Protein backbone atom coordinates (compact mmCIF):
# COMPACT_ATOMS: atom_id res chain seq x y z
CA MET A 1 0.00 0.00 0.00
CA ARG A 2 1.11 3.48 -0.76
CA GLY A 3 0.19 6.83 0.78
CA ARG A 4 -2.41 8.72 -1.23
CA ARG A 5 -4.28 11.96 -0.61
CA LEU A 6 -7.91 12.95 -1.07
CA ARG A 7 -8.44 16.72 -0.89
CA LEU A 8 -11.85 18.41 -0.90
CA GLY A 9 -12.70 22.10 -0.77
CA LEU A 10 -15.95 22.62 1.15
CA TYR A 11 -18.24 25.41 2.26
CA ALA A 12 -19.43 23.82 5.47
CA ASP A 13 -20.29 24.22 9.11
CA GLU A 14 -19.33 21.58 11.71
CA GLN A 15 -22.38 19.46 10.89
CA GLY A 16 -21.65 19.52 7.15
CA LEU A 17 -17.99 18.75 7.75
CA ALA A 18 -18.93 15.77 9.94
CA TRP A 19 -21.26 14.52 7.18
CA VAL A 20 -18.48 14.69 4.57
CA ARG A 21 -16.02 12.97 6.91
CA GLY A 22 -18.59 10.21 7.36
CA LEU A 23 -18.89 9.81 3.58
CA VAL A 24 -15.11 9.42 3.34
CA GLU A 25 -15.03 6.93 6.23
CA ASP A 26 -17.83 4.88 4.64
CA ALA A 27 -16.03 4.81 1.29
CA VAL A 28 -12.73 3.79 2.90
CA GLY A 29 -14.31 1.23 5.24
CA SER A 30 -15.83 -0.77 2.42
CA ARG A 31 -12.45 -1.23 0.69
CA ASN A 32 -8.97 -2.49 1.41
CA ALA A 33 -7.70 0.90 2.64
CA ARG A 34 -7.07 2.83 5.81
CA ILE A 35 -7.19 6.46 6.85
CA VAL A 36 -3.71 7.46 8.00
CA ASP A 37 -4.42 11.09 8.87
CA GLY A 38 -6.88 13.86 8.19
CA THR A 39 -6.72 17.63 8.50
CA VAL A 40 -9.10 20.53 8.11
CA ALA A 41 -7.65 23.90 7.14
CA HIS A 42 -9.54 27.17 6.97
CA THR A 43 -8.52 28.90 3.77
CA ALA A 44 -6.80 32.25 4.15
CA ASP A 45 -7.10 33.14 0.47
CA ASP A 46 -10.17 33.49 -1.73
CA SER A 47 -9.69 30.25 -3.71
CA LEU A 48 -12.90 28.71 -2.34
CA ASP A 49 -15.08 31.84 -2.33
CA PHE A 50 -17.01 30.47 -5.31
CA LEU A 51 -18.43 27.78 -2.99
CA ALA A 52 -19.88 30.46 -0.70
CA GLU A 53 -21.37 32.16 -3.77
CA GLN A 54 -22.85 28.82 -4.89
CA TRP A 55 -24.47 28.34 -1.49
CA THR A 56 -25.90 31.88 -1.60
CA VAL A 57 -27.44 31.27 -5.03
CA GLU A 58 -28.87 27.90 -3.99
CA HIS A 59 -30.23 29.19 -0.65
CA PRO A 60 -31.51 32.72 -1.35
CA GLU A 61 -32.29 34.85 1.69
CA GLN A 62 -30.90 32.23 4.11
CA SER A 63 -28.08 33.00 6.48
CA PRO A 64 -24.95 30.89 5.94
CA GLY A 65 -24.68 30.54 9.71
CA SER A 66 -21.26 29.25 10.71
CA ARG A 67 -20.35 27.90 7.27
CA GLN A 68 -16.80 28.65 6.16
CA PRO A 69 -14.62 27.69 3.23
CA VAL A 70 -12.40 24.84 4.43
CA GLU A 71 -10.10 22.28 2.91
CA LEU A 72 -10.44 18.68 4.09
CA GLU A 73 -7.36 16.59 3.33
CA VAL A 74 -7.40 12.88 4.08
CA HIS A 75 -4.27 10.74 3.78
CA LEU A 76 -5.00 7.16 2.83
CA GLY A 77 -3.02 3.97 2.73
CA CYS A 78 -4.17 2.13 -0.38
CA SER A 79 -3.41 1.21 -3.96
CA LEU A 80 -4.06 3.61 -6.82
CA ARG A 81 -6.99 1.50 -7.97
CA THR A 82 -8.54 1.59 -4.49
CA TRP A 83 -7.92 5.35 -4.20
CA ARG A 84 -9.77 5.89 -7.48
CA ALA A 85 -12.70 3.80 -6.24
CA ILE A 86 -12.80 5.71 -2.93
CA ARG A 87 -12.67 9.07 -4.71
CA LYS A 88 -15.44 8.02 -7.10
CA ALA A 89 -17.61 6.80 -4.20
CA VAL A 90 -17.12 10.02 -2.20
CA LEU A 91 -17.96 12.22 -5.19
CA ALA A 92 -21.06 10.13 -5.97
CA ALA A 93 -22.21 10.44 -2.34
CA LEU A 94 -21.61 14.22 -2.34
CA CYS A 95 -23.60 14.58 -5.54
CA PRO A 96 -26.06 11.66 -5.81
CA GLU A 97 -28.08 13.45 -8.53
CA GLY A 98 -25.04 13.46 -10.82
CA SER A 99 -25.01 16.26 -13.37
CA ALA A 100 -28.75 16.95 -13.13
CA PRO A 101 -29.65 20.37 -11.64
CA HIS A 102 -29.87 20.16 -7.87
CA ILE A 103 -28.92 21.89 -4.63
CA CYS A 104 -25.77 20.68 -2.88
CA ARG A 105 -26.08 19.89 0.81
CA VAL A 106 -22.46 21.04 1.15
CA PRO A 107 -20.95 22.91 -1.80
CA TRP A 108 -17.67 21.24 -2.70
CA THR A 109 -14.79 20.99 -5.11
CA VAL A 110 -12.14 18.30 -5.47
CA GLY A 111 -8.44 19.13 -5.47
């Protein structure tokens, strides 16, 4: 097994972040992989501001509450094939409607 990284940009509060972490844990748990480490970093630049704008458009006249742009980075021990399967499963869980128009529970981007 080799060390691999899954990085997600999110516009989330603590509840949304916990939900995304759970999606990652579920995807990893069903495969021959392990989570080595995980970090959450609040972005100091404006690289994820578009996620806040997306949330505002999708939730007009609602307060964002404690949502902030954050980067979730998870280090995995797994093969490349397994990493690809985990990544695909996480993205499918974040966006179960696929490319059809919908509102994201937690706006996200993959890095």
